[in-house]
Protein backbone atom coordinates (compact mmCIF):
# COMPACT_ATOMS: atom_id res chain seq x y z
CA UNK A 1 0.02 0.00 0.03
CA UNK A 2 1.43 3.31 -1.03
CA UNK A 3 1.14 6.34 1.18
CA UNK A 4 -0.65 9.18 -0.66
CA UNK A 5 1.01 12.62 -0.50
CA UNK A 6 -1.03 15.54 0.53
CA UNK A 7 0.84 17.59 -2.12
CA UNK A 8 -0.24 17.51 -5.75
CA UNK A 9 2.09 16.74 -8.58
CA UNK A 10 0.80 19.00 -11.35
CA UNK A 11 3.16 19.21 -14.29
CA UNK A 12 4.00 21.71 -17.04
CA UNK A 13 6.27 20.39 -19.81
CA UNK A 14 5.16 16.98 -18.60
CA UNK A 15 7.99 14.90 -17.18
CA UNK A 16 9.23 12.94 -14.18
CA UNK A 17 12.11 14.30 -12.12
CA UNK A 18 15.04 11.86 -12.27
CA UNK A 19 15.94 12.40 -8.63
CA UNK A 20 12.60 10.99 -7.35
CA UNK A 21 13.16 7.49 -6.19
CA UNK A 22 10.57 7.08 -3.41
CA UNK A 23 7.74 4.59 -3.92
CA UNK A 24 5.00 7.06 -3.15
CA UNK A 25 1.89 8.17 -5.07
CA UNK A 26 0.62 11.64 -5.82
CA UNK A 27 -2.26 13.08 -7.75
CA UNK A 28 -1.91 14.77 -11.10
CA UNK A 29 -4.57 16.91 -12.84
CA UNK A 30 -4.98 19.16 -15.82
CA UNK A 31 -6.49 22.60 -15.37
CA UNK A 32 -6.72 25.25 -18.06
CA UNK A 33 -4.84 23.12 -20.60
CA UNK A 34 -1.52 23.37 -18.67
CA UNK A 35 0.13 20.97 -16.31
CA UNK A 36 1.97 22.32 -13.28
CA UNK A 37 4.54 20.59 -11.14
CA UNK A 38 4.44 21.30 -7.39
CA UNK A 39 6.68 18.42 -6.27
CA UNK A 40 9.32 19.24 -3.65
CA UNK A 41 12.40 18.10 -5.55
CA UNK A 42 14.37 19.36 -8.51
CA UNK A 43 13.12 22.91 -8.61
CA UNK A 44 14.46 25.25 -11.23
CA UNK A 45 11.92 27.97 -11.43
CA UNK A 46 10.43 30.37 -8.91
CA UNK A 47 7.09 31.98 -9.36
CA UNK A 48 5.68 34.46 -6.84
CA UNK A 49 7.88 33.23 -4.03
CA UNK A 50 6.67 29.68 -4.57
CA UNK A 51 8.97 27.08 -6.13
CA UNK A 52 7.85 25.37 -9.29
CA UNK A 53 9.95 23.02 -11.33
CA UNK A 54 9.81 22.93 -15.08
CA UNK A 55 9.97 19.17 -15.65
CA UNK A 56 12.14 17.50 -18.22
CA UNK A 57 10.12 17.40 -21.48
CA UNK A 58 11.61 14.17 -22.77
CA UNK A 59 10.83 12.09 -19.73
CA UNK A 60 7.59 10.30 -19.26
CA UNK A 61 5.48 11.34 -16.25
CA UNK A 62 3.70 8.04 -16.12
CA UNK A 63 4.63 4.42 -15.69
CA UNK A 64 3.02 1.00 -15.30
CA UNK A 65 0.42 0.84 -12.58
CA UNK A 66 -0.54 4.54 -12.82
CA UNK A 67 -4.29 5.09 -13.32
CA UNK A 68 -5.36 8.07 -15.44
CA UNK A 69 -8.99 9.04 -16.09
CA UNK A 70 -10.50 11.29 -18.61
CA UNK A 71 -13.48 13.12 -17.09
CA UNK A 72 -16.29 14.97 -18.86
CA UNK A 73 -19.60 16.59 -18.05
CA UNK A 74 -22.76 15.80 -19.96
CA UNK A 75 -25.25 18.68 -19.69
CA UNK A 76 -28.08 16.69 -21.39
CA UNK A 77 -28.09 13.95 -18.75
CA UNK A 78 -26.71 16.00 -15.89
CA UNK A 79 -23.81 13.70 -15.20
CA UNK A 80 -20.08 13.49 -14.72
CA UNK A 81 -18.42 10.58 -16.41
CA UNK A 82 -15.02 8.82 -16.12
CA UNK A 83 -13.16 6.84 -18.77
CA UNK A 84 -9.92 4.96 -17.94
CA UNK A 85 -7.03 5.73 -20.33
CA UNK A 86 -5.49 2.34 -21.05
CA UNK A 87 -1.74 2.27 -20.55
CA UNK A 88 -0.84 0.21 -23.61
CA UNK A 89 -2.44 2.22 -26.40
CA UNK A 90 -4.13 5.33 -24.97
CA UNK A 91 -7.68 4.04 -25.75
CA UNK A 92 -10.56 4.87 -23.46
CA UNK A 93 -12.43 2.32 -21.37
CA UNK A 94 -15.78 3.34 -19.83
CA UNK A 95 -15.59 3.48 -16.05
CA UNK A 96 -18.36 5.22 -14.05
CA UNK A 97 -21.01 7.87 -14.36
CA UNK A 98 -22.81 9.86 -11.64
CA UNK A 99 -25.55 12.52 -11.51
CA UNK A 100 -23.95 15.92 -11.05
CA UNK A 101 -26.87 18.36 -11.54
CA UNK A 102 -28.93 19.89 -14.34
CA UNK A 103 -26.94 21.60 -16.97
CA UNK A 104 -23.59 20.21 -15.90
CA UNK A 105 -20.98 22.42 -17.48
CA UNK A 106 -17.43 23.18 -16.34
CA UNK A 107 -15.06 20.94 -14.32
CA UNK A 108 -12.24 22.25 -12.13
CA UNK A 109 -9.85 19.97 -10.21
CA UNK A 110 -7.98 20.66 -6.91
CA UNK A 111 -5.85 17.52 -7.01
CA UNK A 112 -3.97 17.91 -3.69
CA UNK A 113 -7.14 16.81 -1.96
CA UNK A 114 -8.70 14.89 -4.88
CA UNK A 115 -11.46 17.44 -5.19
CA UNK A 116 -13.47 17.63 -8.40
CA UNK A 117 -15.79 20.62 -8.80
CA UNK A 118 -18.70 20.42 -11.31
CA UNK A 119 -20.68 23.57 -12.13
CA UNK A 120 -24.34 23.24 -12.97
CA UNK A 121 -25.98 25.99 -15.02
CA UNK A 122 -29.62 25.10 -14.40
CA UNK A 123 -29.27 24.19 -10.75
CA UNK A 124 -27.11 27.33 -10.08
CA UNK A 125 -24.70 25.32 -7.90
CA UNK A 126 -21.46 23.43 -7.72
CA UNK A 127 -21.19 19.74 -6.71
CA UNK A 128 -17.96 18.56 -5.12
CA UNK A 129 -16.73 15.04 -5.71
CA UNK A 130 -13.68 12.85 -5.01
CA UNK A 131 -12.55 10.08 -7.36
CA UNK A 132 -11.79 6.45 -6.59
CA UNK A 133 -8.72 5.68 -8.67
CA UNK A 134 -9.31 1.94 -8.54
CA UNK A 135 -12.58 1.89 -10.49
CA UNK A 136 -13.20 5.52 -11.48
CA UNK A 137 -16.24 5.94 -9.32
CA UNK A 138 -17.22 9.31 -7.85
CA UNK A 139 -18.03 10.07 -4.19
CA UNK A 140 -20.28 13.10 -3.60
CA UNK A 141 -18.89 15.39 -0.89
CA UNK A 142 -21.12 18.45 -0.80
CA UNK A 143 -23.37 20.79 -2.76
CA UNK A 144 -22.36 24.44 -2.94
CA UNK A 145 -25.21 26.92 -3.87
CA UNK A 146 -24.21 29.87 -6.01
CA UNK A 147 -27.49 31.84 -5.99
CA UNK A 148 -30.29 31.74 -8.56
CA UNK A 149 -28.84 34.62 -10.62
CA UNK A 150 -25.49 32.88 -11.19
CA UNK A 151 -25.15 30.78 -14.37
CA UNK A 152 -21.64 29.20 -14.19
CA UNK A 153 -20.21 28.86 -17.65
CA UNK A 154 -16.48 28.21 -16.87
CA UNK A 155 -14.41 27.63 -13.81
CA UNK A 156 -10.64 27.83 -13.13
CA UNK A 157 -8.47 27.12 -10.02
CA UNK A 158 -5.09 28.66 -9.38
CA UNK A 159 -2.17 26.29 -9.11
CA UNK A 160 -1.86 26.80 -5.37
CA UNK A 161 -5.38 25.57 -5.23
CA UNK A 162 -6.48 28.27 -2.90
CA UNK A 163 -8.90 30.15 -5.15
CA UNK A 164 -11.62 29.24 -7.60
CA UNK A 165 -13.09 31.63 -10.24
CA UNK A 166 -16.40 31.29 -11.99
CA UNK A 167 -17.37 32.99 -15.23
CA UNK A 168 -21.00 34.01 -14.79
CA UNK A 169 -22.60 34.22 -18.22
CA UNK A 170 -25.75 35.81 -16.79
CA UNK A 171 -24.33 38.86 -15.09
CA UNK A 172 -21.14 39.04 -17.21
CA UNK A 173 -18.94 38.80 -14.17
CA UNK A 174 -16.17 36.75 -12.64
CA UNK A 175 -17.15 35.49 -9.24
CA UNK A 176 -14.22 34.98 -6.84
CA UNK A 177 -14.09 32.27 -4.17
CA UNK A 178 -11.57 31.12 -1.58
CA UNK A 179 -11.22 27.28 -1.25
CA UNK A 180 -11.55 26.36 2.38
CA UNK A 181 -9.95 23.41 4.21
CA UNK A 182 -12.87 21.13 3.65
CA UNK A 183 -13.37 22.08 -0.03
CA UNK A 184 -16.29 24.48 0.43
CA UNK A 185 -16.17 27.88 -1.18
CA UNK A 186 -16.12 31.27 0.48
CA UNK A 187 -17.25 34.22 -1.60
CA UNK A 188 -14.57 36.89 -1.98
CA UNK A 189 -16.07 39.32 -4.51
CA UNK A 190 -16.98 39.91 -8.14
CA UNK A 191 -15.57 41.78 -11.05
CA UNK A 192 -17.26 42.70 -14.34
CA UNK A 193 -16.27 41.36 -17.79
CA UNK A 194 -17.11 42.50 -21.29
CA UNK A 195 -20.20 41.42 -23.24
CA UNK A 196 -20.76 37.64 -23.80
CA UNK A 197 -17.67 36.32 -22.08
CA UNK A 198 -16.72 32.87 -23.40
CA UNK A 199 -13.37 31.76 -21.95
CA UNK A 200 -11.48 32.25 -18.73
CA UNK A 201 -7.74 31.51 -18.57
CA UNK A 202 -4.72 32.02 -16.37
CA UNK A 203 -1.27 32.92 -17.80
CA UNK A 204 1.38 30.42 -16.85
CA UNK A 205 2.50 32.49 -13.79
CA UNK A 206 -1.08 32.62 -12.46
CA UNK A 207 -0.62 36.31 -11.80
CA UNK A 208 -3.06 37.30 -14.52
CA UNK A 209 -6.51 36.16 -15.66
CA UNK A 210 -7.75 36.62 -19.28
CA UNK A 211 -11.33 36.65 -20.44
CA UNK A 212 -12.48 36.63 -24.10
CA UNK A 213 -15.59 38.68 -24.73
CA UNK A 214 -17.33 37.79 -27.93
CA UNK A 215 -19.96 40.51 -28.44
CA UNK A 216 -17.68 43.48 -27.85
CA UNK A 217 -14.66 41.96 -29.60
CA UNK A 218 -12.32 42.28 -26.58
CA UNK A 219 -10.06 40.50 -24.10
CA UNK A 220 -10.22 41.66 -20.52
CA UNK A 221 -7.04 41.33 -18.48
CA UNK A 222 -7.08 41.08 -14.68
CA UNK A 223 -4.26 41.29 -12.11
CA UNK A 224 -4.54 38.58 -9.40
CA UNK A 225 -3.97 39.51 -5.81
CA UNK A 226 -1.98 36.35 -4.91
CA UNK A 227 -2.77 36.56 -1.17
CA UNK A 228 -6.40 37.72 -1.16
CA UNK A 229 -7.52 36.09 -4.49
CA UNK A 230 -9.30 39.24 -5.74
CA UNK A 231 -9.10 40.38 -9.33
CA UNK A 232 -8.68 43.92 -10.60
CA UNK A 233 -9.08 44.93 -14.22
CA UNK A 234 -5.75 46.01 -15.61
CA UNK A 235 -6.61 46.64 -19.26
CA UNK A 236 -8.97 45.69 -22.13
CA UNK A 237 -7.65 44.87 -25.56
CA UNK A 238 -9.83 45.11 -28.64
CA UNK A 239 -9.62 42.29 -31.14
CA UNK A 240 -10.25 42.42 -34.91
CA UNK A 241 -12.86 39.66 -34.73
CA UNK A 242 -14.97 38.11 -31.92
CA UNK A 243 -12.56 36.11 -29.71
CA UNK A 244 -13.55 32.62 -28.62
CA UNK A 245 -10.67 30.80 -26.88
CA UNK A 246 -7.26 31.78 -25.56
CA UNK A 247 -4.13 29.92 -24.47
CA UNK A 248 -0.46 30.78 -23.80
CA UNK A 249 2.87 29.31 -24.66
CA UNK A 250 4.88 27.90 -21.77
CA UNK A 251 7.01 31.07 -21.45
CA UNK A 252 3.97 33.21 -20.88
CA UNK A 253 5.32 35.68 -23.49
CA UNK A 254 2.79 34.91 -26.21
CA UNK A 255 -0.94 34.27 -26.32
CA UNK A 256 -3.00 32.66 -29.06
CA UNK A 257 -6.66 33.48 -29.70
CA UNK A 258 -9.21 31.83 -31.93
CA UNK A 259 -11.61 34.32 -33.48
CA UNK A 260 -14.83 34.00 -35.46
CA UNK A 261 -16.31 36.26 -38.12
CA UNK A 262 -19.65 36.14 -39.92
CA UNK A 263 -17.65 35.49 -43.07
CA UNK A 264 -15.98 32.14 -42.28
CA UNK A 265 -13.26 32.88 -44.80
CA UNK A 266 -11.89 35.39 -42.33
CA UNK A 267 -11.76 33.18 -39.26
CA UNK A 268 -8.24 33.32 -37.80
CA UNK A 269 -5.89 32.38 -35.01
CA UNK A 270 -4.20 35.47 -33.76
CA UNK A 271 -0.90 35.69 -31.91
CA UNK A 272 -0.19 38.32 -29.32
CA UNK A 273 2.82 39.44 -27.37
CA UNK A 274 2.19 39.69 -23.67
CA UNK A 275 4.28 42.42 -22.09
CA UNK A 276 3.84 45.60 -20.04
CA UNK A 277 0.47 44.38 -18.83
CA UNK A 278 -1.09 44.37 -22.29
CA UNK A 279 -1.45 42.19 -25.42
CA UNK A 280 0.03 43.45 -28.72
CA UNK A 281 -1.02 41.71 -31.97
CA UNK A 282 1.96 40.40 -33.85
CA UNK A 283 0.57 37.89 -36.35
CA UNK A 284 -2.47 36.07 -37.64
CA UNK A 285 -3.01 32.82 -39.48
CA UNK A 286 -5.98 31.78 -41.46
CA UNK A 287 -8.01 29.07 -39.60
CA UNK A 288 -10.51 26.55 -40.69
CA UNK A 289 -14.20 27.24 -40.34
CA UNK A 290 -15.50 28.16 -36.88
CA UNK A 291 -12.25 27.62 -34.87
CA UNK A 292 -13.00 26.71 -31.22
CA UNK A 293 -10.61 25.20 -28.72
CA UNK A 294 -6.84 25.59 -28.62
CA UNK A 295 -4.20 23.30 -27.15
CA UNK A 296 -0.46 23.96 -27.29
CA UNK A 297 2.18 21.27 -26.72
CA UNK A 298 5.35 22.95 -25.43
CA UNK A 299 7.43 19.77 -26.12
CA UNK A 300 6.80 19.83 -29.83
CA UNK A 301 5.97 23.52 -30.11
CA UNK A 302 2.81 22.69 -31.92
CA UNK A 303 -0.51 24.56 -31.58
CA UNK A 304 -3.65 22.51 -32.28
CA UNK A 305 -6.95 24.21 -33.13
CA UNK A 306 -10.32 22.52 -33.37
CA UNK A 307 -12.12 23.80 -36.49
CA UNK A 308 -15.70 22.99 -35.67
CA UNK A 309 -17.19 24.15 -38.96
CA UNK A 310 -15.29 21.85 -41.23
CA UNK A 311 -14.52 19.05 -38.65
CA UNK A 312 -10.78 19.16 -38.55
CA UNK A 313 -7.75 19.80 -36.39
CA UNK A 314 -5.36 22.40 -37.74
CA UNK A 315 -1.71 22.17 -36.73
CA UNK A 316 0.46 25.31 -36.50
CA UNK A 317 4.21 25.80 -36.00
CA UNK A 318 6.15 28.89 -35.06
CA UNK A 319 8.05 30.70 -37.80
CA UNK A 320 9.47 33.38 -35.49
CA UNK A 321 8.84 34.79 -32.01
CA UNK A 322 5.14 34.03 -31.46
CA UNK A 323 4.42 33.85 -35.26
CA UNK A 324 2.30 31.06 -36.61
CA UNK A 325 2.34 29.00 -39.78
CA UNK A 326 -0.29 26.40 -40.72
CA UNK A 327 1.56 23.14 -41.42
CA UNK A 328 -1.24 20.58 -41.70
CA UNK A 329 -4.75 19.40 -40.77
CA UNK A 330 -6.35 16.22 -39.67
CA UNK A 331 -9.97 15.16 -40.03
CA UNK A 332 -12.02 14.66 -36.82
CA UNK A 333 -15.59 13.60 -36.06
CA UNK A 334 -18.42 16.10 -36.50
CA UNK A 335 -17.89 19.50 -34.85
CA UNK A 336 -14.81 19.15 -32.63
CA UNK A 337 -15.25 21.35 -29.60
CA UNK A 338 -12.82 20.36 -26.83
CA UNK A 339 -9.17 19.29 -26.90
CA UNK A 340 -7.30 17.39 -24.15
CA UNK A 341 -3.58 16.64 -24.41
CA UNK A 342 -2.80 13.74 -22.04
CA UNK A 343 0.46 13.41 -20.02
CA UNK A 344 3.09 11.45 -21.95
CA UNK A 345 3.19 7.74 -21.37
CA UNK A 346 6.54 6.08 -22.18
CA UNK A 347 7.40 9.01 -24.48
CA UNK A 348 4.06 8.69 -26.29
CA UNK A 349 1.38 11.25 -26.02
CA UNK A 350 -2.33 11.16 -26.91
CA UNK A 351 -4.67 13.95 -27.90
CA UNK A 352 -8.40 13.53 -27.10
CA UNK A 353 -11.00 15.46 -29.11
CA UNK A 354 -14.64 15.74 -28.13
CA UNK A 355 -16.72 15.72 -31.26
CA UNK A 356 -20.05 17.41 -30.45
CA UNK A 357 -22.31 16.16 -33.23
CA UNK A 358 -20.73 12.71 -33.37
CA UNK A 359 -21.20 12.26 -29.61
CA UNK A 360 -17.78 10.69 -29.52
CA UNK A 361 -14.15 11.26 -28.54
CA UNK A 362 -11.56 10.93 -31.29
CA UNK A 363 -8.13 9.70 -30.16
CA UNK A 364 -4.87 10.65 -31.79
CA UNK A 365 -1.21 9.69 -31.11
CA UNK A 366 1.18 12.65 -31.24
CA UNK A 367 4.64 12.32 -32.73
CA UNK A 368 6.80 13.89 -29.96
CA UNK A 369 9.48 14.86 -32.52
CA UNK A 370 7.31 16.63 -35.04
CA UNK A 371 3.94 17.15 -33.43
CA UNK A 372 2.16 15.31 -36.28
CA UNK A 373 -0.98 13.41 -35.33
CA UNK A 374 -2.04 9.88 -36.22
CA UNK A 375 -5.72 8.98 -35.86
CA UNK A 376 -6.23 5.85 -33.73
CA UNK A 377 -9.92 5.37 -33.17
CA UNK A 378 -13.17 7.06 -32.09
CA UNK A 379 -14.93 6.19 -28.83
CA UNK A 380 -18.66 6.61 -28.78
CA UNK A 381 -19.71 8.25 -25.46
CA UNK A 382 -23.33 8.98 -26.39
CA UNK A 383 -23.16 12.59 -25.28
CA UNK A 384 -21.94 16.04 -26.18
CA UNK A 385 -19.49 16.98 -23.40
CA UNK A 386 -19.50 20.56 -22.07
CA UNK A 387 -16.06 20.26 -20.50
CA UNK A 388 -13.29 17.71 -20.28
CA UNK A 389 -10.16 17.19 -18.15
CA UNK A 390 -7.79 14.41 -16.95
CA UNK A 391 -6.80 13.31 -13.46
CA UNK A 392 -4.49 10.52 -12.40
CA UNK A 393 -2.64 8.86 -9.66
CA UNK A 394 1.12 8.61 -10.27
CA UNK A 395 3.38 6.26 -8.42
CA UNK A 396 6.78 7.82 -7.90
CA UNK A 397 9.61 5.29 -8.28
């Protein structure tokens, strides 16, 4: 029996530190499309007085005996679902499903304590679960009411796992909460966004929060009070087209934004330089039709974009500082909407794509030298996920 650590092992540039030799286990989770490492050995980077190690990109985080689950919410059935990622080929095996509330939308994970938060739009609440890593079942812990006026569209948790932020699509606000010792949430405050906010994202340092506002074609930028958890608006950047999704490269110097335009021939992925508390547009690349989710692999320096309108994944490389070049595309199921890059397994990495109209998850193997994708199979899940993440138990050897 392995002793579970209280500390989370969240990883950016996924890898396993060579100096770890203890036979202990820790929990790993993905929040906001980045993996952070909070282990207590091998640090090489300091952020806000807290030590964070950038793990070695060519080492595999996982090994035999580690259980990783892909989790997704199904708003139609009001459930949270777990699928076991098989170690030998990255395929998905159905595990468990549990009622999570009406209009189940966003998932946020605080993996130190194995806490899984599920926001429910129609119930105006959050359900808190823990996960059994043996069989993928969920244990309900508590229900957290948000108030009848709050419609939670998106949630994020900082990498210290002390604060949770909810994007309220009804009031066009970010609602700020402190995470207490038992996992309950304590309201801190609220701050306004632009019109029709769609995505909520930390930069890699967690000192800044970015919100894409579709109707007023803008990105709101907020400074995070690292001790109090409150957000203060720093600046608002206008975009050429309505922004949808945003992500960052691992350095935090460049941001990438998918945009949509009534004329689909003008849909683009824009690159921005992040400096002096503002975003400056430096480049744009023509995207497929109706680009949605973004996922950037810092190991291969490849940006993947889900083009929902023509059911494909576009692959971009960098031609200069932050500049993008379309290098290829891969067909998906109908209307890809969510991307999930899994932690590497024996130097192999898998990309999971939720296909909305196909009610399936397409599985691809990534070439860790080139970033090229190879289609493996499509798993029918019988639903259209609203959000998707991964959580796993890693045995340190």
